Amino acid sequence: MSEYNGWTNRKTWNVALWLGNLEGSTNRWCEATRTMGQAAWVAMLRSEYPVTGDGVKLTDGAVNWDEIYSTTKTDWSE
């Protein structure tokens, strides 16, 4: 797969962009990276928002959750 806007692929970019733009939820998700491991964090997001507004399912295997989680965790800690 090729990169898309600096992310692993288009689906990863779309999920990261969509999660980052949901007003009121982004800070809670970022803060949750302090106390939740990646698997629990991803499960929480998938249960709350199973699909982006553009139709990408958060359960899609092409979504690089390692990249999204580590970027979110890094952004929050800075």
PDB file of N, CA and C in Angstrom:
ATOM      1  N   MET A   1       0.827  -1.183   0.000  1.00  0.00           N
ATOM      2  CA  MET A   1       0.000   0.000   0.000  1.00  0.00           C
ATOM      3  C   MET A   1       0.870   1.245   0.000  1.00  0.00           C
ATOM      4  N   SER A   2       0.373   2.278  -0.629  1.00  0.00           N
ATOM      5  CA  SER A   2       1.144   3.506  -0.685  1.00  0.00           C
ATOM      6  C   SER A   2       0.661   4.494   0.363  1.00  0.00           C
ATOM      7  N   GLU A   3       1.534   5.421   0.718  1.00  0.00           N
ATOM      8  CA  GLU A   3       1.189   6.446   1.698  1.00  0.00           C
ATOM      9  C   GLU A   3       0.109   7.369   1.178  1.00  0.00           C
ATOM     10  N   TYR A   4      -0.605   7.980   2.115  1.00  0.00           N
ATOM     11  CA  TYR A   4      -1.656   8.932   1.759  1.00  0.00           C
ATOM     12  C   TYR A   4      -1.606  10.081   2.756  1.00  0.00           C
ATOM     13  N   ASN A   5      -1.268  11.267   2.284  1.00  0.00           N
ATOM     14  CA  ASN A   5      -1.195  12.472   3.126  1.00  0.00           C
ATOM     15  C   ASN A   5      -0.383  12.256   4.398  1.00  0.00           C
ATOM     16  N   GLY A   6       0.711  11.516   4.295  1.00  0.00           N
ATOM     17  CA  GLY A   6       1.591  11.288   5.434  1.00  0.00           C
ATOM     18  C   GLY A   6       1.194  10.120   6.330  1.00  0.00           C
ATOM     19  N   TRP A   7       0.091   9.461   6.020  1.00  0.00           N
ATOM     20  CA  TRP A   7      -0.376   8.299   6.786  1.00  0.00           C
ATOM     21  C   TRP A   7      -0.115   7.040   5.977  1.00  0.00           C
ATOM     22  N   THR A   8      -0.219   5.897   6.617  1.00  0.00           N
ATOM     23  CA  THR A   8       0.048   4.617   5.975  1.00  0.00           C
ATOM     24  C   THR A   8      -0.754   4.424   4.695  1.00  0.00           C
ATOM     25  N   ASN A   9      -2.031   4.784   4.738  1.00  0.00           N
ATOM     26  CA  ASN A   9      -2.915   4.626   3.573  1.00  0.00           C
ATOM     27  C   ASN A   9      -4.127   5.540   3.745  1.00  0.00           C
ATOM     28  N   ARG A  10      -4.983   5.556   2.741  1.00  0.00           N
ATOM     29  CA  ARG A  10      -6.143   6.454   2.759  1.00  0.00           C
ATOM     30  C   ARG A  10      -7.100   6.139   3.912  1.00  0.00           C
ATOM     31  N   LYS A  11      -7.326   4.876   4.189  1.00  0.00           N
ATOM     32  CA  LYS A  11      -8.263   4.525   5.262  1.00  0.00           C
ATOM     33  C   LYS A  11      -7.744   4.968   6.623  1.00  0.00           C
ATOM     34  N   THR A  12      -6.468   4.803   6.865  1.00  0.00           N
ATOM     35  CA  THR A  12      -5.878   5.265   8.122  1.00  0.00           C
ATOM     36  C   THR A  12      -5.987   6.776   8.223  1.00  0.00           C
ATOM     37  N   TRP A  13      -5.662   7.477   7.151  1.00  0.00           N
ATOM     38  CA  TRP A  13      -5.784   8.933   7.119  1.00  0.00           C
ATOM     39  C   TRP A  13      -7.217   9.363   7.400  1.00  0.00           C
ATOM     40  N   ASN A  14      -8.187   8.702   6.755  1.00  0.00           N
ATOM     41  CA  ASN A  14      -9.584   9.073   6.909  1.00  0.00           C
ATOM     42  C   ASN A  14     -10.055   8.895   8.348  1.00  0.00           C
ATOM     43  N   VAL A  15      -9.717   7.763   8.958  1.00  0.00           N
ATOM     44  CA  VAL A  15     -10.130   7.519  10.346  1.00  0.00           C
ATOM     45  C   VAL A  15      -9.471   8.539  11.267  1.00  0.00           C
ATOM     46  N   ALA A  16      -8.178   8.793  11.107  1.00  0.00           N
ATOM     47  CA  ALA A  16      -7.473   9.757  11.956  1.00  0.00           C
ATOM     48  C   ALA A  16      -8.055  11.161  11.788  1.00  0.00           C
ATOM     49  N   LEU A  17      -8.309  11.542  10.567  1.00  0.00           N
ATOM     50  CA  LEU A  17      -8.879  12.861  10.298  1.00  0.00           C
ATOM     51  C   LEU A  17     -10.268  12.985  10.907  1.00  0.00           C
ATOM     52  N   TRP A  18     -11.070  11.986  10.692  1.00  0.00           N
ATOM     53  CA  TRP A  18     -12.441  11.990  11.184  1.00  0.00           C
ATOM     54  C   TRP A  18     -12.464  12.035  12.713  1.00  0.00           C
ATOM     55  N   LEU A  19     -11.653  11.209  13.357  1.00  0.00           N
ATOM     56  CA  LEU A  19     -11.610  11.204  14.819  1.00  0.00           C
ATOM     57  C   LEU A  19     -11.116  12.541  15.361  1.00  0.00           C
ATOM     58  N   GLY A  20     -10.170  13.140  14.674  1.00  0.00           N
ATOM     59  CA  GLY A  20      -9.621  14.418  15.109  1.00  0.00           C
ATOM     60  C   GLY A  20     -10.564  15.591  14.928  1.00  0.00           C
ATOM     61  N   ASN A  21     -11.575  15.408  14.105  1.00  0.00           N
ATOM     62  CA  ASN A  21     -12.501  16.498  13.819  1.00  0.00           C
ATOM     63  C   ASN A  21     -13.847  16.378  14.515  1.00  0.00           C
ATOM     64  N   LEU A  22     -14.035  15.346  15.317  1.00  0.00           N
ATOM     65  CA  LEU A  22     -15.306  15.201  16.036  1.00  0.00           C
ATOM     66  C   LEU A  22     -15.288  16.097  17.273  1.00  0.00           C
ATOM     67  N   GLU A  23     -15.998  17.182  17.164  1.00  0.00           N
ATOM     68  CA  GLU A  23     -16.005  18.190  18.221  1.00  0.00           C
ATOM     69  C   GLU A  23     -16.455  17.609  19.560  1.00  0.00           C
ATOM     70  N   GLY A  24     -15.717  17.924  20.593  1.00  0.00           N
ATOM     71  CA  GLY A  24     -16.080  17.495  21.925  1.00  0.00           C
ATOM     72  C   GLY A  24     -15.549  16.133  22.331  1.00  0.00           C
ATOM     73  N   SER A  25     -15.155  15.315  21.387  1.00  0.00           N
ATOM     74  CA  SER A  25     -14.691  13.967  21.706  1.00  0.00           C
ATOM     75  C   SER A  25     -13.178  13.819  21.641  1.00  0.00           C
ATOM     76  N   THR A  26     -12.540  14.639  20.836  1.00  0.00           N
ATOM     77  CA  THR A  26     -11.109  14.472  20.592  1.00  0.00           C
ATOM     78  C   THR A  26     -10.286  14.534  21.870  1.00  0.00           C
ATOM     79  N   ASN A  27     -10.534  15.509  22.730  1.00  0.00           N
ATOM     80  CA  ASN A  27      -9.754  15.606  23.976  1.00  0.00           C
ATOM     81  C   ASN A  27      -9.952  14.392  24.865  1.00  0.00           C
ATOM     82  N   ARG A  28     -11.169  13.881  24.919  1.00  0.00           N
ATOM     83  CA  ARG A  28     -11.442  12.696  25.746  1.00  0.00           C
ATOM     84  C   ARG A  28     -10.674  11.492  25.214  1.00  0.00           C
ATOM     85  N   TRP A  29     -10.652  11.330  23.904  1.00  0.00           N
ATOM     86  CA  TRP A  29      -9.928  10.205  23.299  1.00  0.00           C
ATOM     87  C   TRP A  29      -8.432  10.342  23.515  1.00  0.00           C
ATOM     88  N   CYS A  30      -7.927  11.569  23.369  1.00  0.00           N
ATOM     89  CA  CYS A  30      -6.497  11.779  23.594  1.00  0.00           C
ATOM     90  C   CYS A  30      -6.135  11.498  25.041  1.00  0.00           C
ATOM     91  N   GLU A  31      -6.942  12.002  25.955  1.00  0.00           N
ATOM     92  CA  GLU A  31      -6.679  11.775  27.372  1.00  0.00           C
ATOM     93  C   GLU A  31      -6.753  10.289  27.724  1.00  0.00           C
ATOM     94  N   ALA A  32      -7.632   9.568  27.071  1.00  0.00           N
ATOM     95  CA  ALA A  32      -7.782   8.131  27.344  1.00  0.00           C
ATOM     96  C   ALA A  32      -6.517   7.348  27.023  1.00  0.00           C
ATOM     97  N   THR A  33      -5.671   7.857  26.123  1.00  0.00           N
ATOM     98  CA  THR A  33      -4.420   7.155  25.806  1.00  0.00           C
ATOM     99  C   THR A  33      -3.479   7.127  27.001  1.00  0.00           C
ATOM    100  N   ARG A  34      -3.704   7.995  27.980  1.00  0.00           N
ATOM    101  CA  ARG A  34      -2.864   8.003  29.188  1.00  0.00           C
ATOM    102  C   ARG A  34      -3.148   6.803  30.085  1.00  0.00           C
ATOM    103  N   THR A  35      -4.395   6.322  30.063  1.00  0.00           N
ATOM    104  CA  THR A  35      -4.784   5.266  30.997  1.00  0.00           C
ATOM    105  C   THR A  35      -5.186   3.961  30.324  1.00  0.00           C
ATOM    106  N   MET A  36      -5.399   3.996  29.021  1.00  0.00           N
ATOM    107  CA  MET A  36      -5.855   2.802  28.308  1.00  0.00           C
ATOM    108  C   MET A  36      -4.780   2.299  27.364  1.00  0.00           C
ATOM    109  N   GLY A  37      -4.628   1.009  27.317  1.00  0.00           N
ATOM    110  CA  GLY A  37      -3.758   0.418  26.315  1.00  0.00           C
ATOM    111  C   GLY A  37      -4.414   0.542  24.943  1.00  0.00           C
ATOM    112  N   GLN A  38      -3.657   0.253  23.929  1.00  0.00           N
ATOM    113  CA  GLN A  38      -4.148   0.414  22.566  1.00  0.00           C
ATOM    114  C   GLN A  38      -5.388  -0.428  22.273  1.00  0.00           C
ATOM    115  N   ALA A  39      -5.397  -1.685  22.667  1.00  0.00           N
ATOM    116  CA  ALA A  39      -6.528  -2.566  22.346  1.00  0.00           C
ATOM    117  C   ALA A  39      -7.827  -2.048  22.962  1.00  0.00           C
ATOM    118  N   ALA A  40      -7.777  -1.629  24.223  1.00  0.00           N
ATOM    119  CA  ALA A  40      -8.968  -1.100  24.894  1.00  0.00           C
ATOM    120  C   ALA A  40      -9.403   0.220  24.267  1.00  0.00           C
ATOM    121  N   TRP A  41      -8.446   1.038  23.916  1.00  0.00           N
ATOM    122  CA  TRP A  41      -8.727   2.339  23.303  1.00  0.00           C
ATOM    123  C   TRP A  41      -9.416   2.169  21.953  1.00  0.00           C
ATOM    124  N   VAL A  42      -8.881   1.278  21.130  1.00  0.00           N
ATOM    125  CA  VAL A  42      -9.478   1.013  19.818  1.00  0.00           C
ATOM    126  C   VAL A  42     -10.876   0.426  19.988  1.00  0.00           C
ATOM    127  N   ALA A  43     -11.053  -0.484  20.927  1.00  0.00           N
ATOM    128  CA  ALA A  43     -12.370  -1.079  21.167  1.00  0.00           C
ATOM    129  C   ALA A  43     -13.385  -0.011  21.566  1.00  0.00           C
ATOM    130  N   MET A  44     -12.968   0.941  22.393  1.00  0.00           N
ATOM    131  CA  MET A  44     -13.845   2.031  22.799  1.00  0.00           C
ATOM    132  C   MET A  44     -14.286   2.849  21.583  1.00  0.00           C
ATOM    133  N   LEU A  45     -13.322   3.212  20.743  1.00  0.00           N
ATOM    134  CA  LEU A  45     -13.651   4.009  19.561  1.00  0.00           C
ATOM    135  C   LEU A  45     -14.581   3.255  18.620  1.00  0.00           C
ATOM    136  N   ARG A  46     -14.284   1.994  18.396  1.00  0.00           N
ATOM    137  CA  ARG A  46     -15.106   1.184  17.490  1.00  0.00           C
ATOM    138  C   ARG A  46     -16.537   1.036  18.005  1.00  0.00           C
ATOM    139  N   SER A  47     -16.704   0.961  19.314  1.00  0.00           N
ATOM    140  CA  SER A  47     -18.054   0.801  19.860  1.00  0.00           C
ATOM    141  C   SER A  47     -18.847   2.103  19.769  1.00  0.00           C
ATOM    142  N   GLU A  48     -18.165   3.221  19.911  1.00  0.00           N
ATOM    143  CA  GLU A  48     -18.848   4.514  19.856  1.00  0.00           C
ATOM    144  C   GLU A  48     -19.125   4.973  18.430  1.00  0.00           C
ATOM    145  N   TYR A  49     -18.193   4.724  17.548  1.00  0.00           N
ATOM    146  CA  TYR A  49     -18.301   5.189  16.163  1.00  0.00           C
ATOM    147  C   TYR A  49     -17.814   4.091  15.222  1.00  0.00           C
ATOM    148  N   PRO A  50     -18.690   3.198  14.815  1.00  0.00           N
ATOM    149  CA  PRO A  50     -18.265   2.063  13.996  1.00  0.00           C
ATOM    150  C   PRO A  50     -17.828   2.419  12.564  1.00  0.00           C
ATOM    151  N   VAL A  51     -18.228   3.587  12.071  1.00  0.00           N
ATOM    152  CA  VAL A  51     -17.905   3.956  10.692  1.00  0.00           C
ATOM    153  C   VAL A  51     -17.721   5.467  10.611  1.00  0.00           C
ATOM    154  N   THR A  52     -16.776   5.922   9.781  1.00  0.00           N
ATOM    155  CA  THR A  52     -16.575   7.358   9.609  1.00  0.00           C
ATOM    156  C   THR A  52     -17.685   7.935   8.734  1.00  0.00           C
ATOM    157  N   GLY A  53     -17.760   9.215   8.688  1.00  0.00           N
ATOM    158  CA  GLY A  53     -18.730   9.888   7.834  1.00  0.00           C
ATOM    159  C   GLY A  53     -18.506   9.622   6.357  1.00  0.00           C
ATOM    160  N   ASP A  54     -17.316   9.148   6.024  1.00  0.00           N
ATOM    161  CA  ASP A  54     -16.986   8.815   4.637  1.00  0.00           C
ATOM    162  C   ASP A  54     -17.157   7.328   4.335  1.00  0.00           C
ATOM    163  N   GLY A  55     -17.655   6.579   5.318  1.00  0.00           N
ATOM    164  CA  GLY A  55     -17.947   5.176   5.086  1.00  0.00           C
ATOM    165  C   GLY A  55     -16.841   4.188   5.385  1.00  0.00           C
ATOM    166  N   VAL A  56     -15.747   4.638   5.995  1.00  0.00           N
ATOM    167  CA  VAL A  56     -14.671   3.709   6.359  1.00  0.00           C
ATOM    168  C   VAL A  56     -15.024   3.075   7.696  1.00  0.00           C
ATOM    169  N   LYS A  57     -15.104   1.765   7.717  1.00  0.00           N
ATOM    170  CA  LYS A  57     -15.401   1.041   8.959  1.00  0.00           C
ATOM    171  C   LYS A  57     -14.162   1.015   9.840  1.00  0.00           C
ATOM    172  N   LEU A  58     -14.363   1.306  11.114  1.00  0.00           N
ATOM    173  CA  LEU A  58     -13.237   1.300  12.038  1.00  0.00           C
ATOM    174  C   LEU A  58     -12.695  -0.110  12.258  1.00  0.00           C
ATOM    175  N   THR A  59     -13.444  -1.115  11.841  1.00  0.00           N
ATOM    176  CA  THR A  59     -12.978  -2.501  11.937  1.00  0.00           C
ATOM    177  C   THR A  59     -12.215  -2.938  10.691  1.00  0.00           C
ATOM    178  N   ASP A  60     -12.094  -2.076   9.697  1.00  0.00           N
ATOM    179  CA  ASP A  60     -11.389  -2.425   8.460  1.00  0.00           C
ATOM    180  C   ASP A  60      -9.931  -2.758   8.780  1.00  0.00           C
ATOM    181  N   GLY A  61      -9.478  -3.881   8.307  1.00  0.00           N
ATOM    182  CA  GLY A  61      -8.117  -4.335   8.571  1.00  0.00           C
ATOM    183  C   GLY A  61      -7.028  -3.458   7.995  1.00  0.00           C
ATOM    184  N   ALA A  62      -7.367  -2.590   7.046  1.00  0.00           N
ATOM    185  CA  ALA A  62      -6.367  -1.707   6.450  1.00  0.00           C
ATOM    186  C   ALA A  62      -6.055  -0.495   7.330  1.00  0.00           C
ATOM    187  N   VAL A  63      -6.908  -0.218   8.315  1.00  0.00           N
ATOM    188  CA  VAL A  63      -6.669   0.918   9.209  1.00  0.00           C
ATOM    189  C   VAL A  63      -5.495   0.580  10.126  1.00  0.00           C
ATOM    190  N   ASN A  64      -4.497   1.430  10.125  1.00  0.00           N
ATOM    191  CA  ASN A  64      -3.290   1.211  10.928  1.00  0.00           C
ATOM    192  C   ASN A  64      -3.490   1.836  12.313  1.00  0.00           C
ATOM    193  N   TRP A  65      -4.027   1.036  13.225  1.00  0.00           N
ATOM    194  CA  TRP A  65      -4.312   1.533  14.570  1.00  0.00           C
ATOM    195  C   TRP A  65      -3.038   1.819  15.362  1.00  0.00           C
ATOM    196  N   ASP A  66      -1.960   1.118  15.075  1.00  0.00           N
ATOM    197  CA  ASP A  66      -0.685   1.414  15.744  1.00  0.00           C
ATOM    198  C   ASP A  66      -0.298   2.865  15.481  1.00  0.00           C
ATOM    199  N   GLU A  67      -0.426   3.275  14.237  1.00  0.00           N
ATOM    200  CA  GLU A  67      -0.058   4.638  13.841  1.00  0.00           C
ATOM    201  C   GLU A  67      -1.003   5.676  14.467  1.00  0.00           C
ATOM    202  N   ILE A  68      -2.301   5.413  14.412  1.00  0.00           N
ATOM    203  CA  ILE A  68      -3.273   6.365  14.961  1.00  0.00           C
ATOM    204  C   ILE A  68      -3.094   6.500  16.475  1.00  0.00           C
ATOM    205  N   TYR A  69      -2.970   5.377  17.169  1.00  0.00           N
ATOM    206  CA  TYR A  69      -2.818   5.404  18.631  1.00  0.00           C
ATOM    207  C   TYR A  69      -1.531   6.127  19.031  1.00  0.00           C
ATOM    208  N   SER A  70      -0.428   5.770  18.410  1.00  0.00           N
ATOM    209  CA  SER A  70       0.843   6.390  18.808  1.00  0.00           C
ATOM    210  C   SER A  70       0.862   7.874  18.480  1.00  0.00           C
ATOM    211  N   THR A  71       0.264   8.270  17.379  1.00  0.00           N
ATOM    212  CA  THR A  71       0.193   9.693  17.037  1.00  0.00           C
ATOM    213  C   THR A  71      -0.694  10.439  18.020  1.00  0.00           C
ATOM    214  N   THR A  72      -1.826   9.858  18.374  1.00  0.00           N
ATOM    215  CA  THR A  72      -2.737  10.489  19.328  1.00  0.00           C
ATOM    216  C   THR A  72      -2.073  10.612  20.693  1.00  0.00           C
ATOM    217  N   LYS A  73      -1.407   9.566  21.113  1.00  0.00           N
ATOM    218  CA  LYS A  73      -0.724   9.560  22.422  1.00  0.00           C
ATOM    219  C   LYS A  73       0.388  10.604  22.434  1.00  0.00           C
ATOM    220  N   THR A  74       1.150  10.690  21.360  1.00  0.00           N
ATOM    221  CA  THR A  74       2.235  11.668  21.259  1.00  0.00           C
ATOM    222  C   THR A  74       1.698  13.080  21.248  1.00  0.00           C
ATOM    223  N   ASP A  75       0.639  13.325  20.466  1.00  0.00           N
ATOM    224  CA  ASP A  75       0.050  14.661  20.396  1.00  0.00           C
ATOM    225  C   ASP A  75      -0.430  15.135  21.760  1.00  0.00           C
ATOM    226  N   TRP A  76      -1.006  14.226  22.535  1.00  0.00           N
ATOM    227  CA  TRP A  76      -1.555  14.599  23.833  1.00  0.00           C
ATOM    228  C   TRP A  76      -0.454  14.877  24.851  1.00  0.00           C
ATOM    229  N   SER A  77       0.648  14.173  24.742  1.00  0.00           N
ATOM    230  CA  SER A  77       1.700  14.311  25.760  1.00  0.00           C
ATOM    231  C   SER A  77       2.588  15.519  25.519  1.00  0.00           C
ATOM    232  N   GLU A  78       2.476  16.137  24.367  1.00  0.00           N
ATOM    233  CA  GLU A  78       3.346  17.286  24.074  1.00  0.00           C
ATOM    234  C   GLU A  78       2.801  18.576  24.618  1.00  0.00           C
TER     235      GLU A  78
END
